[in-house]
Amino acid sequence: MTPIELDIQKIDNISKQKEQENLKFRTFLKGQDDVKLDRIVHRLNKCVESQIDCTDCGNCCKNLRPCVNSMEIDTLKSIDKVSREYFVENFIEQNELEDIKFLKGTPCKYLIDKKCSIYDVRPNDCKSYPHINKKKFNSRTWGIIENYAICPIVFNVIERLKTELRFR
């Protein structure tokens, strides 16, 4: 099996080189059986994820803004020791169209030296990232392809998936 790639700069460079290939792969995936694809992706994810320690990376925290719900906002405002109003005004951005709230700005304000300073109480969106282990992989390929350049797990799973499905 191909060695695991962990070098974020190399992953970013490869993602730029393979941008068109990855878009074609996304289209290719749409023709695959959803249940079979989930089974393959989950197996590959389990293998890759077991070899990567996310707390040594933090690249998602540098590049993405997690969704937060009302309870998570209450937890975070308590950690910051500020009022809910202050926290929402200063640290939350709302997508009115989709009624989704995000933490403002990147890198994440809770990232310290590649480590999440609130790891045990981080938002669910952070806990479930990179979302590969969820069902219906095929319905989330756009987000997965976007995360290919950000997350070593996604990068390695996608490259192995291309090989396994004999895509080229």
C-alpha atoms as a PDB file:
ATOM      1  CA  MET A   1       0.000   0.000   0.000  1.00  0.00           C
ATOM      2  CA  THR A   2       1.087   3.569  -0.688  1.00  0.00           C
ATOM      3  CA  PRO A   3       2.722   5.302   2.283  1.00  0.00           C
ATOM      4  CA  ILE A   4       0.633   7.878   4.147  1.00  0.00           C
ATOM      5  CA  GLU A   5       1.344  11.465   3.061  1.00  0.00           C
ATOM      6  CA  LEU A   6       1.409  13.900   5.986  1.00  0.00           C
ATOM      7  CA  ASP A   7       3.285  16.894   4.583  1.00  0.00           C
ATOM      8  CA  ILE A   8       0.644  19.636   4.366  1.00  0.00           C
ATOM      9  CA  GLN A   9       2.647  21.710   1.875  1.00  0.00           C
ATOM     10  CA  LYS A  10       3.091  18.707  -0.410  1.00  0.00           C
ATOM     11  CA  ILE A  11      -0.614  17.847  -0.105  1.00  0.00           C
ATOM     12  CA  ASP A  12      -1.517  21.436  -1.000  1.00  0.00           C
ATOM     13  CA  ASN A  13       0.799  21.389  -4.043  1.00  0.00           C
ATOM     14  CA  ILE A  14      -0.545  18.034  -5.249  1.00  0.00           C
ATOM     15  CA  SER A  15      -4.119  19.252  -4.797  1.00  0.00           C
ATOM     16  CA  LYS A  16      -3.426  22.187  -7.120  1.00  0.00           C
ATOM     17  CA  GLN A  17      -1.864  19.859  -9.710  1.00  0.00           C
ATOM     18  CA  LYS A  18      -4.795  17.435  -9.476  1.00  0.00           C
ATOM     19  CA  GLU A  19      -7.639  19.943  -9.371  1.00  0.00           C
ATOM     20  CA  GLN A  20      -9.098  18.906 -12.748  1.00  0.00           C
ATOM     21  CA  GLU A  21      -8.505  15.217 -12.022  1.00  0.00           C
ATOM     22  CA  ASN A  22     -10.379  15.532  -8.731  1.00  0.00           C
ATOM     23  CA  LEU A  23     -13.334  17.223 -10.405  1.00  0.00           C
ATOM     24  CA  LYS A  24     -13.470  14.371 -12.924  1.00  0.00           C
ATOM     25  CA  PHE A  25     -13.189  11.888 -10.051  1.00  0.00           C
ATOM     26  CA  ARG A  26     -16.154  13.544  -8.341  1.00  0.00           C
ATOM     27  CA  THR A  27     -18.199  13.028 -11.512  1.00  0.00           C
ATOM     28  CA  PHE A  28     -16.943   9.443 -11.748  1.00  0.00           C
ATOM     29  CA  LEU A  29     -18.078   8.791  -8.163  1.00  0.00           C
ATOM     30  CA  LYS A  30     -21.626   9.858  -9.014  1.00  0.00           C
ATOM     31  CA  GLY A  31     -21.899   6.723 -11.168  1.00  0.00           C
ATOM     32  CA  GLN A  32     -20.923   4.395  -8.314  1.00  0.00           C
ATOM     33  CA  ASP A  33     -23.226   2.322  -6.106  1.00  0.00           C
ATOM     34  CA  ASP A  34     -23.791   4.383  -2.933  1.00  0.00           C
ATOM     35  CA  VAL A  35     -23.801   1.482  -0.470  1.00  0.00           C
ATOM     36  CA  LYS A  36     -20.704  -0.122  -1.963  1.00  0.00           C
ATOM     37  CA  LEU A  37     -18.923   3.234  -2.079  1.00  0.00           C
ATOM     38  CA  ASP A  38     -19.726   3.927   1.587  1.00  0.00           C
ATOM     39  CA  ARG A  39     -18.341   0.525   2.539  1.00  0.00           C
ATOM     40  CA  ILE A  40     -15.081   1.132   0.645  1.00  0.00           C
ATOM     41  CA  VAL A  41     -14.644   4.704   1.902  1.00  0.00           C
ATOM     42  CA  HIS A  42     -15.319   3.729   5.520  1.00  0.00           C
ATOM     43  CA  ARG A  43     -12.785   0.890   5.316  1.00  0.00           C
ATOM     44  CA  LEU A  44     -10.154   3.171   3.761  1.00  0.00           C
ATOM     45  CA  ASN A  45     -10.910   5.884   6.306  1.00  0.00           C
ATOM     46  CA  LYS A  46     -10.479   3.474   9.208  1.00  0.00           C
ATOM     47  CA  CYS A  47      -7.100   2.386   7.847  1.00  0.00           C
ATOM     48  CA  VAL A  48      -5.836   5.912   7.104  1.00  0.00           C
ATOM     49  CA  GLU A  49      -7.261   7.537  10.227  1.00  0.00           C
ATOM     50  CA  SER A  50      -5.538   4.980  12.450  1.00  0.00           C
ATOM     51  CA  GLN A  51      -2.182   6.200  11.097  1.00  0.00           C
ATOM     52  CA  ILE A  52      -2.751   9.939  11.515  1.00  0.00           C
ATOM     53  CA  ASP A  53      -2.896  11.957  14.717  1.00  0.00           C
ATOM     54  CA  CYS A  54      -5.038  15.010  13.977  1.00  0.00           C
ATOM     55  CA  THR A  55      -3.650  16.818  17.010  1.00  0.00           C
ATOM     56  CA  ASP A  56      -0.252  16.906  15.267  1.00  0.00           C
ATOM     57  CA  CYS A  57      -1.719  18.781  12.299  1.00  0.00           C
ATOM     58  CA  GLY A  58      -4.343  21.421  13.058  1.00  0.00           C
ATOM     59  CA  ASN A  59      -4.627  22.378   9.396  1.00  0.00           C
ATOM     60  CA  CYS A  60      -8.423  22.207   9.496  1.00  0.00           C
ATOM     61  CA  CYS A  61      -8.379  24.710  12.380  1.00  0.00           C
ATOM     62  CA  LYS A  62      -6.187  27.013  10.306  1.00  0.00           C
ATOM     63  CA  ASN A  63      -8.432  26.910   7.233  1.00  0.00           C
ATOM     64  CA  LEU A  64     -12.035  26.116   8.147  1.00  0.00           C
ATOM     65  CA  ARG A  65     -14.774  27.683  10.224  1.00  0.00           C
ATOM     66  CA  PRO A  66     -16.902  25.151  12.086  1.00  0.00           C
ATOM     67  CA  CYS A  67     -20.674  25.366  12.365  1.00  0.00           C
ATOM     68  CA  VAL A  68     -21.903  25.897  15.915  1.00  0.00           C
ATOM     69  CA  ASN A  69     -25.302  25.429  17.489  1.00  0.00           C
ATOM     70  CA  SER A  70     -26.872  27.323  20.364  1.00  0.00           C
ATOM     71  CA  MET A  71     -25.613  24.950  23.075  1.00  0.00           C
ATOM     72  CA  GLU A  72     -22.078  25.104  21.672  1.00  0.00           C
ATOM     73  CA  ILE A  73     -22.228  28.900  21.669  1.00  0.00           C
ATOM     74  CA  ASP A  74     -23.199  28.771  25.351  1.00  0.00           C
ATOM     75  CA  THR A  75     -20.243  26.492  26.084  1.00  0.00           C
ATOM     76  CA  LEU A  76     -17.800  28.690  24.186  1.00  0.00           C
ATOM     77  CA  LYS A  77     -19.015  31.955  25.716  1.00  0.00           C
ATOM     78  CA  SER A  78     -18.574  30.362  29.150  1.00  0.00           C
ATOM     79  CA  ILE A  79     -15.014  29.332  28.289  1.00  0.00           C
ATOM     80  CA  ASP A  80     -14.304  32.888  27.137  1.00  0.00           C
ATOM     81  CA  LYS A  81     -16.107  34.298  30.204  1.00  0.00           C
ATOM     82  CA  VAL A  82     -18.174  36.735  28.169  1.00  0.00           C
ATOM     83  CA  SER A  83     -21.881  37.302  27.676  1.00  0.00           C
ATOM     84  CA  ARG A  84     -23.722  35.429  24.963  1.00  0.00           C
ATOM     85  CA  GLU A  85     -24.453  38.714  23.192  1.00  0.00           C
ATOM     86  CA  TYR A  86     -20.783  39.708  23.188  1.00  0.00           C
ATOM     87  CA  PHE A  87     -19.689  36.272  21.978  1.00  0.00           C
ATOM     88  CA  VAL A  88     -22.245  36.190  19.148  1.00  0.00           C
ATOM     89  CA  GLU A  89     -21.454  39.749  18.077  1.00  0.00           C
ATOM     90  CA  ASN A  90     -17.695  39.236  18.043  1.00  0.00           C
ATOM     91  CA  PHE A  91     -17.121  35.563  17.224  1.00  0.00           C
ATOM     92  CA  ILE A  92     -20.124  34.246  15.288  1.00  0.00           C
ATOM     93  CA  GLU A  93     -21.074  34.719  11.666  1.00  0.00           C
ATOM     94  CA  GLN A  94     -24.505  33.700  10.444  1.00  0.00           C
ATOM     95  CA  ASN A  95     -25.374  32.420   6.994  1.00  0.00           C
ATOM     96  CA  GLU A  96     -28.914  33.798   6.784  1.00  0.00           C
ATOM     97  CA  LEU A  97     -29.762  31.798   3.667  1.00  0.00           C
ATOM     98  CA  GLU A  98     -29.080  28.428   5.275  1.00  0.00           C
ATOM     99  CA  ASP A  99     -29.646  29.508   8.909  1.00  0.00           C
ATOM    100  CA  ILE A 100     -26.197  28.244   9.910  1.00  0.00           C
ATOM    101  CA  LYS A 101     -23.883  29.843  12.452  1.00  0.00           C
ATOM    102  CA  PHE A 102     -20.093  29.650  12.098  1.00  0.00           C
ATOM    103  CA  LEU A 103     -17.152  30.663  14.218  1.00  0.00           C
ATOM    104  CA  LYS A 104     -15.693  33.811  12.649  1.00  0.00           C
ATOM    105  CA  GLY A 105     -12.262  33.923  11.118  1.00  0.00           C
ATOM    106  CA  THR A 106      -9.343  31.651  10.533  1.00  0.00           C
ATOM    107  CA  PRO A 107      -7.326  30.309  12.120  1.00  0.00           C
ATOM    108  CA  CYS A 108      -9.699  29.235  14.847  1.00  0.00           C
ATOM    109  CA  LYS A 109      -9.304  31.375  17.945  1.00  0.00           C
ATOM    110  CA  TYR A 110      -8.943  28.203  20.028  1.00  0.00           C
ATOM    111  CA  LEU A 111      -5.959  26.871  18.050  1.00  0.00           C
ATOM    112  CA  ILE A 112      -2.694  27.122  19.975  1.00  0.00           C
ATOM    113  CA  ASP A 113       0.474  25.597  18.468  1.00  0.00           C
ATOM    114  CA  LYS A 114      -1.445  23.204  16.174  1.00  0.00           C
ATOM    115  CA  LYS A 115      -3.561  22.032  19.130  1.00  0.00           C
ATOM    116  CA  CYS A 116      -7.163  22.750  20.001  1.00  0.00           C
ATOM    117  CA  SER A 117      -7.226  24.420  23.403  1.00  0.00           C
ATOM    118  CA  ILE A 118     -10.848  23.299  23.938  1.00  0.00           C
ATOM    119  CA  TYR A 119     -10.467  19.813  22.472  1.00  0.00           C
ATOM    120  CA  ASP A 120     -12.746  18.051  24.989  1.00  0.00           C
ATOM    121  CA  VAL A 121     -15.610  20.491  24.388  1.00  0.00           C
ATOM    122  CA  ARG A 122     -14.965  21.452  20.755  1.00  0.00           C
ATOM    123  CA  PRO A 123     -18.033  21.838  18.500  1.00  0.00           C
ATOM    124  CA  ASN A 124     -19.576  18.713  16.969  1.00  0.00           C
ATOM    125  CA  ASP A 125     -18.592  19.929  13.505  1.00  0.00           C
ATOM    126  CA  CYS A 126     -14.955  19.742  14.641  1.00  0.00           C
ATOM    127  CA  LYS A 127     -15.423  16.331  16.288  1.00  0.00           C
ATOM    128  CA  SER A 128     -16.873  14.802  13.131  1.00  0.00           C
ATOM    129  CA  TYR A 129     -14.366  16.378  10.725  1.00  0.00           C
ATOM    130  CA  PRO A 130     -13.402  15.378   8.058  1.00  0.00           C
ATOM    131  CA  HIS A 131     -16.868  13.790   7.771  1.00  0.00           C
ATOM    132  CA  ILE A 132     -15.643  10.814   5.730  1.00  0.00           C
ATOM    133  CA  ASN A 133     -17.006   8.254   8.172  1.00  0.00           C
ATOM    134  CA  LYS A 134     -20.582   9.449   7.693  1.00  0.00           C
ATOM    135  CA  LYS A 135     -23.050   7.616   5.480  1.00  0.00           C
ATOM    136  CA  LYS A 136     -23.927   8.840   1.976  1.00  0.00           C
ATOM    137  CA  PHE A 137     -20.389   9.785   1.000  1.00  0.00           C
ATOM    138  CA  ASN A 138     -21.564  10.315  -2.563  1.00  0.00           C
ATOM    139  CA  SER A 139     -23.891  13.130  -1.523  1.00  0.00           C
ATOM    140  CA  ARG A 140     -20.992  15.020   0.079  1.00  0.00           C
ATOM    141  CA  THR A 141     -18.297  14.742  -2.591  1.00  0.00           C
ATOM    142  CA  TRP A 142     -18.102  18.490  -3.219  1.00  0.00           C
ATOM    143  CA  GLY A 143     -17.090  19.175   0.385  1.00  0.00           C
ATOM    144  CA  ILE A 144     -14.802  16.162   0.461  1.00  0.00           C
ATOM    145  CA  ILE A 145     -12.967  17.319  -2.671  1.00  0.00           C
ATOM    146  CA  GLU A 146     -12.622  20.803  -1.130  1.00  0.00           C
ATOM    147  CA  ASN A 147     -11.079  19.206   1.990  1.00  0.00           C
ATOM    148  CA  TYR A 148      -8.599  17.190  -0.103  1.00  0.00           C
ATOM    149  CA  ALA A 149      -6.065  20.053   0.089  1.00  0.00           C
ATOM    150  CA  ILE A 150      -6.647  20.672   3.798  1.00  0.00           C
ATOM    151  CA  CYS A 151      -6.805  17.298   5.509  1.00  0.00           C
ATOM    152  CA  PRO A 152      -4.229  14.499   5.248  1.00  0.00           C
ATOM    153  CA  ILE A 153      -6.962  11.952   6.034  1.00  0.00           C
ATOM    154  CA  VAL A 154      -9.105  13.121   3.122  1.00  0.00           C
ATOM    155  CA  PHE A 155      -6.114  13.337   0.795  1.00  0.00           C
ATOM    156  CA  ASN A 156      -4.940   9.807   1.570  1.00  0.00           C
ATOM    157  CA  VAL A 157      -8.429   8.273   1.478  1.00  0.00           C
ATOM    158  CA  ILE A 158      -9.217   9.889  -1.885  1.00  0.00           C
ATOM    159  CA  GLU A 159      -5.921   8.789  -3.432  1.00  0.00           C
ATOM    160  CA  ARG A 160      -6.490   5.215  -2.220  1.00  0.00           C
ATOM    161  CA  LEU A 161     -10.089   5.330  -3.432  1.00  0.00           C
ATOM    162  CA  LYS A 162      -8.918   6.348  -6.911  1.00  0.00           C
ATOM    163  CA  THR A 163      -6.600   3.333  -6.968  1.00  0.00           C
ATOM    164  CA  GLU A 164      -9.187   0.920  -5.602  1.00  0.00           C
ATOM    165  CA  LEU A 165     -11.852   2.044  -8.090  1.00  0.00           C
ATOM    166  CA  ARG A 166      -9.267   1.996 -10.907  1.00  0.00           C
ATOM    167  CA  PHE A 167      -9.888   5.629 -11.761  1.00  0.00           C
ATOM    168  CA  ARG A 168      -7.515   7.285 -14.254  1.00  0.00           C
END
